[in-house]
N, C-alpha and C. Protein backbone atom coordinates (compact mmCIF):
# COMPACT_ATOMS: atom_id res chain seq x y z
N MET A 1 34.44 161.61 101.02
CA MET A 1 35.53 160.63 101.01
C MET A 1 36.41 160.81 102.25
N THR A 2 36.78 159.70 102.88
CA THR A 2 37.63 159.76 104.06
C THR A 2 38.99 160.32 103.70
N LEU A 3 39.48 161.23 104.52
CA LEU A 3 40.80 161.79 104.28
C LEU A 3 41.87 160.74 104.56
N THR A 4 42.93 160.77 103.78
CA THR A 4 44.04 159.84 103.96
C THR A 4 45.20 160.54 104.64
N SER A 5 46.22 159.78 104.98
CA SER A 5 47.42 160.37 105.58
C SER A 5 48.06 161.38 104.64
N VAL A 6 47.95 161.13 103.33
CA VAL A 6 48.52 162.06 102.35
C VAL A 6 47.87 163.44 102.47
N ASP A 7 46.58 163.46 102.83
CA ASP A 7 45.86 164.71 102.99
C ASP A 7 46.17 165.40 104.31
N THR A 8 46.46 164.61 105.35
CA THR A 8 46.46 165.17 106.70
C THR A 8 47.80 165.13 107.43
N ALA A 9 48.72 164.25 107.02
CA ALA A 9 50.04 164.21 107.67
C ALA A 9 50.94 165.22 106.98
N THR A 10 51.02 166.39 107.56
CA THR A 10 51.78 167.50 106.98
C THR A 10 52.67 168.12 108.06
N ALA A 11 53.54 169.00 107.63
CA ALA A 11 54.38 169.70 108.60
C ALA A 11 53.53 170.46 109.61
N GLU A 12 52.40 171.01 109.15
CA GLU A 12 51.52 171.78 110.03
C GLU A 12 50.88 170.90 111.09
N SER A 13 50.64 169.63 110.78
CA SER A 13 50.05 168.71 111.76
C SER A 13 51.12 167.91 112.49
N ARG A 14 52.37 168.34 112.36
CA ARG A 14 53.52 167.64 112.94
C ARG A 14 53.56 166.20 112.41
N TRP A 15 53.09 166.02 111.17
CA TRP A 15 53.12 164.75 110.45
C TRP A 15 52.24 163.69 111.11
N TYR A 16 51.25 164.13 111.88
CA TYR A 16 50.29 163.19 112.45
C TYR A 16 49.10 163.07 111.50
N PRO A 17 48.70 161.85 111.14
CA PRO A 17 47.57 161.69 110.22
C PRO A 17 46.23 161.71 110.94
N THR A 18 45.18 162.04 110.21
CA THR A 18 43.83 161.88 110.72
C THR A 18 43.44 160.42 110.57
N GLN A 19 42.98 159.82 111.65
CA GLN A 19 42.62 158.41 111.62
C GLN A 19 41.19 158.25 111.09
N PRO A 20 40.83 157.03 110.68
CA PRO A 20 39.47 156.81 110.16
C PRO A 20 38.42 157.24 111.17
N PRO A 21 37.32 157.82 110.70
CA PRO A 21 36.28 158.28 111.63
C PRO A 21 35.55 157.13 112.28
N GLY A 22 35.03 157.37 113.49
CA GLY A 22 34.22 156.38 114.18
C GLY A 22 32.79 156.41 113.69
N PRO A 23 31.88 155.65 114.29
CA PRO A 23 32.16 154.74 115.41
C PRO A 23 32.88 153.49 114.96
N ILE A 24 33.63 152.88 115.88
CA ILE A 24 34.41 151.69 115.58
C ILE A 24 33.51 150.46 115.62
N ASP A 25 33.67 149.61 114.64
CA ASP A 25 33.01 148.30 114.64
C ASP A 25 33.65 147.46 115.75
N THR A 26 32.88 147.10 116.76
CA THR A 26 33.46 146.41 117.92
C THR A 26 33.47 144.89 117.78
N SER A 27 33.15 144.37 116.60
CA SER A 27 33.35 142.94 116.37
C SER A 27 34.85 142.66 116.35
N VAL A 28 35.24 141.41 116.51
CA VAL A 28 36.66 141.06 116.49
C VAL A 28 37.29 141.50 115.18
N ALA A 29 36.66 141.16 114.07
CA ALA A 29 37.20 141.53 112.76
C ALA A 29 37.25 143.05 112.60
N GLY A 30 36.24 143.73 113.10
CA GLY A 30 36.21 145.18 113.01
C GLY A 30 37.32 145.83 113.80
N MET A 31 37.60 145.32 115.00
CA MET A 31 38.69 145.86 115.81
C MET A 31 40.05 145.62 115.16
N VAL A 32 40.21 144.44 114.56
CA VAL A 32 41.46 144.14 113.88
C VAL A 32 41.65 145.07 112.69
N LYS A 33 40.59 145.27 111.93
CA LYS A 33 40.69 146.18 110.79
C LYS A 33 41.02 147.59 111.24
N ASP A 34 40.38 148.06 112.29
CA ASP A 34 40.66 149.41 112.79
C ASP A 34 42.13 149.55 113.19
N SER A 35 42.67 148.53 113.82
CA SER A 35 44.09 148.55 114.20
C SER A 35 44.98 148.65 112.96
N LEU A 36 44.66 147.84 111.95
CA LEU A 36 45.43 147.88 110.72
C LEU A 36 45.36 149.26 110.07
N GLN A 37 44.17 149.81 109.98
CA GLN A 37 44.01 151.13 109.36
C GLN A 37 44.85 152.18 110.07
N ARG A 38 44.82 152.17 111.39
CA ARG A 38 45.56 153.19 112.14
C ARG A 38 47.07 153.00 112.02
N ARG A 39 47.52 151.74 112.03
CA ARG A 39 48.96 151.48 111.90
C ARG A 39 49.48 151.80 110.51
N VAL A 40 48.69 151.46 109.50
CA VAL A 40 49.12 151.78 108.13
C VAL A 40 49.19 153.28 107.93
N ARG A 41 48.20 154.02 108.46
CA ARG A 41 48.24 155.47 108.34
C ARG A 41 49.45 156.05 109.10
N GLY A 42 49.73 155.52 110.27
CA GLY A 42 50.89 156.00 111.02
C GLY A 42 52.20 155.72 110.30
N MET A 43 52.31 154.51 109.71
CA MET A 43 53.50 154.16 108.95
C MET A 43 53.66 155.07 107.74
N HIS A 44 52.55 155.30 107.04
CA HIS A 44 52.61 156.19 105.88
C HIS A 44 53.00 157.60 106.29
N ALA A 45 52.50 158.05 107.44
CA ALA A 45 52.84 159.40 107.89
C ALA A 45 54.35 159.56 108.09
N LEU A 46 54.99 158.53 108.62
CA LEU A 46 56.45 158.58 108.77
C LEU A 46 57.15 158.62 107.42
N TRP A 47 56.64 157.84 106.46
CA TRP A 47 57.22 157.89 105.12
C TRP A 47 57.01 159.27 104.49
N LEU A 48 55.85 159.85 104.68
CA LEU A 48 55.59 161.17 104.13
C LEU A 48 56.54 162.20 104.72
N GLU A 49 56.77 162.11 106.03
CA GLU A 49 57.72 163.02 106.67
C GLU A 49 59.13 162.81 106.12
N ALA A 50 59.52 161.54 106.00
CA ALA A 50 60.86 161.25 105.48
C ALA A 50 61.03 161.78 104.07
N LEU A 51 60.05 161.53 103.21
CA LEU A 51 60.15 161.99 101.83
C LEU A 51 60.21 163.51 101.75
N ALA A 52 59.43 164.18 102.60
CA ALA A 52 59.37 165.64 102.56
C ALA A 52 60.61 166.30 103.13
N THR A 53 61.36 165.59 103.95
CA THR A 53 62.54 166.19 104.60
C THR A 53 63.83 165.71 103.95
N MET A 54 63.73 165.22 102.72
CA MET A 54 64.92 164.88 101.92
C MET A 54 64.80 165.59 100.58
N ASP A 55 65.93 165.70 99.89
CA ASP A 55 65.90 166.16 98.50
C ASP A 55 66.68 165.17 97.65
N ALA A 56 66.80 165.46 96.39
CA ALA A 56 67.46 164.53 95.46
C ALA A 56 68.90 164.26 95.85
N THR A 57 69.57 165.24 96.43
CA THR A 57 70.96 165.05 96.84
C THR A 57 71.05 163.97 97.92
N HIS A 58 70.14 164.02 98.88
CA HIS A 58 70.13 163.01 99.94
C HIS A 58 69.77 161.63 99.37
N VAL A 59 68.72 161.60 98.56
CA VAL A 59 68.20 160.34 98.05
C VAL A 59 69.23 159.62 97.18
N ASN A 60 69.99 160.37 96.42
CA ASN A 60 70.95 159.78 95.49
C ASN A 60 72.37 159.72 96.06
N TYR A 61 72.52 160.06 97.32
CA TYR A 61 73.85 160.01 97.95
C TYR A 61 74.37 158.58 97.98
N PHE A 62 75.61 158.42 97.58
CA PHE A 62 76.22 157.08 97.52
C PHE A 62 77.39 157.04 98.49
N GLU A 63 77.24 156.28 99.57
CA GLU A 63 78.24 156.23 100.62
C GLU A 63 79.50 155.51 100.15
N ARG A 64 79.35 154.28 99.68
CA ARG A 64 80.49 153.48 99.22
C ARG A 64 79.95 152.18 98.62
N PRO A 65 80.77 151.44 97.89
CA PRO A 65 80.31 150.17 97.32
C PRO A 65 79.75 149.24 98.39
N ASN A 66 78.73 148.51 98.00
CA ASN A 66 78.03 147.55 98.86
C ASN A 66 77.14 148.21 99.91
N VAL A 67 76.92 149.52 99.80
CA VAL A 67 75.97 150.22 100.66
C VAL A 67 74.92 150.85 99.75
N LEU A 68 73.66 150.46 99.95
CA LEU A 68 72.60 150.93 99.07
C LEU A 68 72.24 152.39 99.32
N PRO A 69 72.01 153.16 98.27
CA PRO A 69 71.57 154.54 98.46
C PRO A 69 70.11 154.59 98.88
N ILE A 70 69.69 155.73 99.40
CA ILE A 70 68.29 155.91 99.79
C ILE A 70 67.37 155.70 98.58
N ALA A 71 67.85 156.01 97.40
CA ALA A 71 67.05 155.81 96.19
C ALA A 71 66.54 154.38 96.08
N PHE A 72 67.37 153.42 96.48
CA PHE A 72 66.91 152.03 96.45
C PHE A 72 65.76 151.83 97.43
N THR A 73 65.93 152.30 98.65
CA THR A 73 64.95 152.05 99.70
C THR A 73 63.58 152.63 99.36
N VAL A 74 63.55 153.89 98.93
CA VAL A 74 62.26 154.51 98.66
C VAL A 74 61.60 153.89 97.43
N ASN A 75 62.39 153.60 96.39
CA ASN A 75 61.83 152.95 95.20
C ASN A 75 61.27 151.57 95.57
N HIS A 76 62.01 150.81 96.35
CA HIS A 76 61.60 149.46 96.70
C HIS A 76 60.33 149.46 97.54
N GLN A 77 60.28 150.28 98.58
CA GLN A 77 59.11 150.25 99.47
C GLN A 77 57.84 150.67 98.76
N VAL A 78 57.89 151.78 98.07
CA VAL A 78 56.68 152.31 97.45
C VAL A 78 56.21 151.38 96.33
N ARG A 79 57.11 150.90 95.53
CA ARG A 79 56.69 150.08 94.40
C ARG A 79 56.20 148.70 94.84
N LEU A 80 56.77 148.16 95.92
CA LEU A 80 56.24 146.88 96.40
C LEU A 80 54.84 147.05 96.97
N GLU A 81 54.60 148.16 97.67
CA GLU A 81 53.24 148.41 98.17
C GLU A 81 52.27 148.58 97.00
N ASP A 82 52.71 149.27 95.98
CA ASP A 82 51.90 149.45 94.78
C ASP A 82 51.54 148.09 94.18
N ALA A 83 52.54 147.21 94.08
CA ALA A 83 52.32 145.89 93.48
C ALA A 83 51.46 145.00 94.37
N THR A 84 51.50 145.21 95.68
CA THR A 84 50.71 144.39 96.60
C THR A 84 49.22 144.52 96.33
N LEU A 85 48.77 145.69 95.90
CA LEU A 85 47.35 145.86 95.61
C LEU A 85 46.90 145.00 94.43
N PHE A 86 47.86 144.61 93.58
CA PHE A 86 47.50 143.69 92.50
C PHE A 86 47.16 142.32 93.07
N LEU A 87 47.94 141.86 94.05
CA LEU A 87 47.69 140.56 94.67
C LEU A 87 46.44 140.59 95.55
N LEU A 88 46.23 141.70 96.22
CA LEU A 88 45.11 141.79 97.16
C LEU A 88 43.78 142.11 96.47
N ALA A 89 43.84 142.91 95.41
CA ALA A 89 42.58 143.40 94.83
C ALA A 89 42.59 143.43 93.31
N GLU A 90 43.62 142.84 92.69
CA GLU A 90 43.74 142.84 91.23
C GLU A 90 43.74 144.25 90.67
N GLU A 91 44.30 145.18 91.44
CA GLU A 91 44.46 146.56 90.99
C GLU A 91 45.78 146.66 90.22
N VAL A 92 45.72 147.11 88.97
CA VAL A 92 46.95 147.26 88.19
C VAL A 92 47.85 148.28 88.88
N PRO A 93 49.12 147.97 89.09
CA PRO A 93 50.00 148.92 89.76
C PRO A 93 50.00 150.30 89.08
N LEU A 94 49.94 151.33 89.90
CA LEU A 94 49.95 152.68 89.37
C LEU A 94 51.21 152.96 88.55
N TRP A 95 52.30 152.29 88.90
CA TRP A 95 53.56 152.48 88.19
C TRP A 95 53.39 152.30 86.69
N PHE A 96 52.56 151.33 86.30
CA PHE A 96 52.40 151.00 84.89
C PHE A 96 51.31 151.81 84.20
N THR A 97 50.40 152.38 84.97
CA THR A 97 49.30 153.12 84.36
C THR A 97 49.58 154.61 84.27
N GLY A 98 50.61 155.09 84.98
CA GLY A 98 50.87 156.53 84.99
C GLY A 98 52.18 156.94 84.34
N GLY A 99 52.85 155.99 83.67
CA GLY A 99 54.12 156.34 83.03
C GLY A 99 55.18 156.80 84.00
N TRP A 100 55.18 156.19 85.20
CA TRP A 100 56.05 156.70 86.25
C TRP A 100 57.53 156.41 86.03
N ALA A 101 57.85 155.37 85.28
CA ALA A 101 59.28 155.12 85.00
C ALA A 101 59.90 156.31 84.28
N GLU A 102 59.17 156.83 83.28
CA GLU A 102 59.67 157.99 82.54
C GLU A 102 59.59 159.26 83.38
N ARG A 103 58.53 159.40 84.14
CA ARG A 103 58.34 160.64 84.91
C ARG A 103 59.33 160.77 86.06
N THR A 104 59.62 159.66 86.74
CA THR A 104 60.55 159.71 87.87
C THR A 104 62.00 159.57 87.45
N GLN A 105 62.22 159.06 86.24
CA GLN A 105 63.57 158.88 85.71
C GLN A 105 64.45 158.02 86.62
N VAL A 106 63.88 156.89 87.07
CA VAL A 106 64.69 155.97 87.87
C VAL A 106 65.78 155.36 87.00
N ALA A 107 66.96 155.20 87.57
CA ALA A 107 68.08 154.64 86.81
C ALA A 107 67.85 153.16 86.51
N ILE A 108 67.22 152.45 87.45
CA ILE A 108 66.97 151.01 87.30
C ILE A 108 65.49 150.78 87.54
N ASP A 109 64.78 150.40 86.48
CA ASP A 109 63.34 150.21 86.58
C ASP A 109 63.06 148.81 87.11
N ASP A 110 63.27 148.63 88.40
CA ASP A 110 63.10 147.33 89.05
C ASP A 110 62.76 147.56 90.50
N ILE A 111 61.87 146.74 91.06
CA ILE A 111 61.52 146.87 92.47
C ILE A 111 62.72 146.56 93.36
N GLY A 112 63.58 145.65 92.92
CA GLY A 112 64.78 145.33 93.70
C GLY A 112 64.59 144.19 94.67
N LYS A 113 63.61 143.33 94.41
CA LYS A 113 63.36 142.20 95.32
C LYS A 113 64.27 141.03 95.03
N GLU A 114 64.57 140.78 93.75
CA GLU A 114 65.38 139.63 93.38
C GLU A 114 66.76 140.03 92.86
N THR A 115 67.10 141.30 92.98
CA THR A 115 68.38 141.79 92.47
C THR A 115 69.42 141.82 93.59
N THR A 116 70.67 142.01 93.22
CA THR A 116 71.76 142.02 94.19
C THR A 116 72.08 143.45 94.64
N VAL A 117 72.79 143.53 95.75
CA VAL A 117 73.25 144.84 96.22
C VAL A 117 74.16 145.48 95.18
N ALA A 118 75.02 144.68 94.56
CA ALA A 118 75.94 145.21 93.55
C ALA A 118 75.19 145.86 92.39
N GLU A 119 74.03 145.29 92.05
CA GLU A 119 73.22 145.89 90.99
C GLU A 119 72.50 147.14 91.48
N MET A 120 71.86 147.05 92.63
CA MET A 120 70.98 148.12 93.08
C MET A 120 71.71 149.28 93.74
N GLU A 121 72.99 149.15 94.01
CA GLU A 121 73.72 150.30 94.54
C GLU A 121 73.81 151.41 93.50
N HIS A 122 73.46 151.10 92.26
CA HIS A 122 73.48 152.10 91.18
C HIS A 122 72.13 152.78 90.99
N GLN A 123 71.16 152.45 91.83
CA GLN A 123 69.84 153.07 91.70
C GLN A 123 69.92 154.57 91.99
N ARG A 124 69.27 155.36 91.16
CA ARG A 124 69.15 156.79 91.36
C ARG A 124 67.76 157.22 90.91
N ILE A 125 67.28 158.32 91.44
CA ILE A 125 65.99 158.88 91.05
C ILE A 125 66.24 160.23 90.42
N GLY A 126 65.91 160.35 89.13
CA GLY A 126 66.22 161.57 88.40
C GLY A 126 65.30 162.73 88.74
N ASP A 127 64.00 162.46 88.91
CA ASP A 127 63.04 163.52 89.25
C ASP A 127 62.40 163.15 90.58
N TYR A 128 62.97 163.67 91.64
CA TYR A 128 62.52 163.29 92.98
C TYR A 128 61.13 163.82 93.29
N ASP A 129 60.79 165.01 92.81
CA ASP A 129 59.44 165.55 93.05
C ASP A 129 58.38 164.65 92.41
N ALA A 130 58.67 164.14 91.22
CA ALA A 130 57.73 163.23 90.57
C ALA A 130 57.60 161.94 91.35
N PHE A 131 58.73 161.46 91.90
CA PHE A 131 58.65 160.23 92.69
C PHE A 131 57.80 160.44 93.94
N CYS A 132 57.93 161.58 94.60
CA CYS A 132 57.10 161.87 95.78
C CYS A 132 55.63 161.90 95.40
N ASP A 133 55.31 162.45 94.25
CA ASP A 133 53.93 162.46 93.77
C ASP A 133 53.42 161.03 93.60
N TYR A 134 54.24 160.17 93.02
CA TYR A 134 53.88 158.77 92.85
C TYR A 134 53.63 158.11 94.21
N ALA A 135 54.55 158.32 95.17
CA ALA A 135 54.39 157.72 96.49
C ALA A 135 53.09 158.17 97.15
N HIS A 136 52.77 159.45 97.04
CA HIS A 136 51.53 159.96 97.62
C HIS A 136 50.32 159.24 97.04
N GLN A 137 50.33 159.02 95.74
CA GLN A 137 49.20 158.34 95.11
C GLN A 137 49.09 156.88 95.56
N VAL A 138 50.22 156.22 95.71
CA VAL A 138 50.22 154.83 96.17
C VAL A 138 49.66 154.74 97.58
N TYR A 139 50.15 155.60 98.48
CA TYR A 139 49.70 155.55 99.87
C TYR A 139 48.21 155.84 99.98
N ALA A 140 47.74 156.85 99.25
CA ALA A 140 46.33 157.20 99.32
C ALA A 140 45.46 156.06 98.80
N ARG A 141 45.89 155.40 97.72
CA ARG A 141 45.10 154.29 97.18
C ARG A 141 45.03 153.13 98.17
N THR A 142 46.16 152.81 98.80
CA THR A 142 46.17 151.73 99.79
C THR A 142 45.18 152.01 100.91
N GLU A 143 45.20 153.21 101.45
CA GLU A 143 44.34 153.55 102.58
C GLU A 143 42.87 153.53 102.18
N ARG A 144 42.57 154.03 101.01
CA ARG A 144 41.16 154.02 100.57
C ARG A 144 40.68 152.60 100.35
N TRP A 145 41.54 151.75 99.78
CA TRP A 145 41.16 150.35 99.59
C TRP A 145 40.91 149.67 100.93
N LEU A 146 41.79 149.90 101.90
CA LEU A 146 41.63 149.29 103.21
C LEU A 146 40.39 149.82 103.92
N ASP A 147 40.10 151.10 103.77
CA ASP A 147 38.89 151.67 104.36
C ASP A 147 37.64 150.95 103.86
N GLU A 148 37.63 150.60 102.59
CA GLU A 148 36.44 150.01 101.97
C GLU A 148 36.38 148.49 102.10
N LEU A 149 37.45 147.87 102.57
CA LEU A 149 37.50 146.42 102.68
C LEU A 149 36.57 145.93 103.79
N PRO A 150 35.64 145.02 103.50
CA PRO A 150 34.81 144.45 104.57
C PRO A 150 35.69 143.75 105.60
N ALA A 151 35.45 143.98 106.86
CA ALA A 151 36.32 143.43 107.91
C ALA A 151 36.44 141.91 107.82
N GLU A 152 35.36 141.25 107.46
CA GLU A 152 35.37 139.79 107.39
C GLU A 152 36.33 139.26 106.32
N GLN A 153 36.63 140.10 105.32
CA GLN A 153 37.53 139.70 104.25
C GLN A 153 38.95 139.45 104.76
N LEU A 154 39.28 140.00 105.92
CA LEU A 154 40.62 139.82 106.48
C LEU A 154 40.93 138.35 106.73
N TYR A 155 39.92 137.54 106.95
CA TYR A 155 40.13 136.14 107.31
C TYR A 155 39.91 135.17 106.14
N VAL A 156 39.83 135.72 104.94
CA VAL A 156 39.65 134.89 103.75
C VAL A 156 41.02 134.46 103.22
N PRO A 157 41.25 133.15 102.99
CA PRO A 157 42.54 132.69 102.46
C PRO A 157 42.78 133.20 101.04
N MET A 158 44.03 133.51 100.76
CA MET A 158 44.43 133.90 99.42
C MET A 158 44.98 132.69 98.67
N PHE A 159 45.15 132.84 97.36
CA PHE A 159 45.77 131.82 96.50
C PHE A 159 45.05 130.47 96.60
N ASP A 160 43.74 130.51 96.83
CA ASP A 160 42.93 129.28 96.93
C ASP A 160 43.46 128.34 98.01
N GLY A 161 44.02 128.91 99.05
CA GLY A 161 44.51 128.10 100.16
C GLY A 161 45.87 127.46 99.93
N THR A 162 46.52 127.75 98.80
CA THR A 162 47.86 127.21 98.54
C THR A 162 48.93 128.21 98.98
N PHE A 163 50.18 127.76 98.96
CA PHE A 163 51.29 128.65 99.34
C PHE A 163 52.22 128.78 98.13
N PRO A 164 52.20 129.91 97.43
CA PRO A 164 52.97 130.05 96.19
C PRO A 164 54.48 129.98 96.41
N ASP A 165 55.17 129.50 95.40
CA ASP A 165 56.63 129.39 95.47
C ASP A 165 57.30 130.75 95.65
N PHE A 166 56.71 131.81 95.07
CA PHE A 166 57.39 133.10 95.08
C PHE A 166 57.47 133.74 96.47
N ILE A 167 56.76 133.19 97.44
CA ILE A 167 56.88 133.73 98.80
C ILE A 167 57.49 132.72 99.78
N GLN A 168 58.09 131.67 99.26
CA GLN A 168 58.69 130.66 100.12
C GLN A 168 59.76 131.25 101.04
N ASN A 169 60.55 132.19 100.53
CA ASN A 169 61.65 132.76 101.32
C ASN A 169 61.33 134.14 101.89
N ALA A 170 60.07 134.54 101.83
CA ALA A 170 59.67 135.86 102.31
C ALA A 170 59.33 135.82 103.80
N PHE A 171 59.30 137.00 104.40
CA PHE A 171 58.98 137.13 105.82
C PHE A 171 57.63 136.52 106.15
N ILE A 172 56.68 136.62 105.23
CA ILE A 172 55.33 136.13 105.50
C ILE A 172 55.32 134.63 105.80
N HIS A 173 56.31 133.89 105.29
CA HIS A 173 56.37 132.46 105.54
C HIS A 173 56.59 132.17 107.03
N ARG A 174 57.20 133.11 107.74
CA ARG A 174 57.45 132.95 109.17
C ARG A 174 56.24 133.32 110.02
N VAL A 175 55.23 133.88 109.36
CA VAL A 175 54.08 134.42 110.09
C VAL A 175 52.84 133.55 109.95
N VAL A 176 52.62 133.00 108.75
CA VAL A 176 51.36 132.32 108.48
C VAL A 176 51.27 130.99 109.24
N ARG A 177 50.03 130.53 109.41
CA ARG A 177 49.78 129.23 110.03
C ARG A 177 49.47 128.21 108.93
N ASP A 178 50.19 127.09 108.97
CA ASP A 178 49.93 125.98 108.04
C ASP A 178 50.03 126.40 106.58
N GLU A 179 50.88 127.40 106.30
CA GLU A 179 51.11 127.88 104.94
C GLU A 179 49.82 128.32 104.23
N ILE A 180 48.90 128.86 105.01
CA ILE A 180 47.68 129.45 104.46
C ILE A 180 47.77 130.96 104.68
N VAL A 181 47.79 131.72 103.59
CA VAL A 181 47.93 133.17 103.66
C VAL A 181 46.55 133.81 103.72
N LEU A 182 46.22 134.37 104.87
CA LEU A 182 44.98 135.14 104.98
C LEU A 182 45.22 136.55 104.45
N THR A 183 44.15 137.20 104.04
CA THR A 183 44.24 138.60 103.63
C THR A 183 44.89 139.43 104.73
N LEU A 184 44.54 139.14 105.96
CA LEU A 184 45.14 139.83 107.11
C LEU A 184 46.66 139.66 107.13
N ASP A 185 47.15 138.44 106.89
CA ASP A 185 48.59 138.20 106.87
C ASP A 185 49.26 139.03 105.79
N ALA A 186 48.64 139.09 104.62
CA ALA A 186 49.22 139.80 103.50
C ALA A 186 49.32 141.30 103.78
N ILE A 187 48.25 141.88 104.32
CA ILE A 187 48.28 143.31 104.65
C ILE A 187 49.32 143.59 105.72
N GLU A 188 49.32 142.77 106.75
CA GLU A 188 50.27 142.95 107.86
C GLU A 188 51.71 142.86 107.38
N CYS A 189 52.02 141.85 106.56
CA CYS A 189 53.41 141.59 106.18
C CYS A 189 53.86 142.44 105.01
N TRP A 190 53.03 142.55 103.98
CA TRP A 190 53.47 143.20 102.75
C TRP A 190 53.27 144.71 102.74
N ILE A 191 52.39 145.21 103.58
CA ILE A 191 52.19 146.66 103.64
C ILE A 191 52.77 147.22 104.93
N TYR A 192 52.21 146.81 106.08
CA TYR A 192 52.65 147.43 107.33
C TYR A 192 54.06 147.01 107.74
N GLN A 193 54.29 145.72 107.93
CA GLN A 193 55.61 145.28 108.41
C GLN A 193 56.71 145.63 107.41
N HIS A 194 56.42 145.49 106.14
CA HIS A 194 57.42 145.84 105.13
C HIS A 194 57.76 147.33 105.18
N GLY A 195 56.73 148.15 105.33
CA GLY A 195 56.98 149.59 105.42
C GLY A 195 57.78 149.97 106.65
N ILE A 196 57.47 149.36 107.79
CA ILE A 196 58.20 149.64 109.03
C ILE A 196 59.64 149.16 108.93
N ARG A 197 59.82 147.98 108.38
CA ARG A 197 61.18 147.43 108.25
C ARG A 197 62.08 148.37 107.46
N HIS A 198 61.57 148.86 106.33
CA HIS A 198 62.41 149.73 105.50
C HIS A 198 62.50 151.15 106.04
N LEU A 199 61.59 151.53 106.94
CA LEU A 199 61.76 152.82 107.62
C LEU A 199 63.03 152.80 108.47
N GLY A 200 63.28 151.68 109.16
CA GLY A 200 64.51 151.58 109.94
C GLY A 200 65.74 151.68 109.06
N GLU A 201 65.69 151.01 107.92
CA GLU A 201 66.78 151.10 106.96
C GLU A 201 66.96 152.54 106.48
N LEU A 202 65.84 153.20 106.22
CA LEU A 202 65.88 154.57 105.74
C LEU A 202 66.47 155.52 106.79
N GLU A 203 66.08 155.34 108.04
CA GLU A 203 66.61 156.22 109.08
C GLU A 203 68.13 156.09 109.21
N HIS A 204 68.63 154.87 109.09
CA HIS A 204 70.08 154.68 109.14
C HIS A 204 70.73 155.35 107.94
N ALA A 205 70.15 155.17 106.77
CA ALA A 205 70.71 155.78 105.57
C ALA A 205 70.66 157.31 105.65
N ARG A 206 69.58 157.85 106.22
CA ARG A 206 69.49 159.30 106.39
C ARG A 206 70.62 159.82 107.27
N ALA A 207 70.96 159.06 108.30
CA ALA A 207 72.04 159.48 109.19
C ALA A 207 73.38 159.58 108.44
N LEU A 208 73.57 158.68 107.47
CA LEU A 208 74.83 158.69 106.71
C LEU A 208 74.99 159.94 105.86
N CYS A 209 73.86 160.59 105.53
CA CYS A 209 73.98 161.82 104.74
C CYS A 209 73.55 163.05 105.55
N GLY A 210 73.64 162.96 106.88
CA GLY A 210 73.49 164.11 107.75
C GLY A 210 72.09 164.48 108.16
N LEU A 211 71.12 163.59 107.97
CA LEU A 211 69.76 163.87 108.37
C LEU A 211 69.43 163.16 109.69
N GLY A 212 68.46 163.71 110.42
CA GLY A 212 68.10 163.15 111.71
C GLY A 212 67.08 162.04 111.61
N GLY A 213 66.72 161.49 112.78
CA GLY A 213 65.71 160.46 112.85
C GLY A 213 64.32 161.02 112.72
N LEU A 214 63.34 160.13 112.76
CA LEU A 214 61.96 160.53 112.54
C LEU A 214 61.11 160.46 113.80
N THR A 215 61.47 159.61 114.76
CA THR A 215 60.71 159.53 116.00
C THR A 215 61.68 159.46 117.17
N SER A 216 61.16 159.71 118.36
CA SER A 216 61.99 159.63 119.56
C SER A 216 61.99 158.21 120.09
């Protein structure tokens, strides 16, 4: 089995992941898939470093009203990626199959996509070690699924070529052509771009509780 970033991005490796083994498929679709695989692994490696260099005190630190704690950011990113595999591959989210709400003891059992800042500023994670275990499982599953995805599948339209109402106001609406969501668009927007976007949010939040950045 191909090693994932969870296996290889460690303090000993300076949080650098092992990339998928070659040889690279040099077709257009193959090159695009290889790029996605490497970027997703790199993004995950940064999240793994961030998670490993925080503790529950940092994650649950509350700066002031109307400022979200780190607990919101990590819960939101990991759980949305977990849920994305349901849309991409009809994989039941790990959150529901592993009893993670009880194990992580989240204060608010919600991804936080349709909720307000006033609601989610109260998010806390009771068992941070359990939450990190959950995140590791989500990241490893995403990478293994992407490794096994046929490159040509990246260009297959989702939702039977329609554009669902639930993504009308999402970032992906600014990316797709003619409101047709390709598998490639979904992976790019819901896994990679979403993860990178919230990494920036996380780095700012880490600074508020005395932690440094993750890259130069």
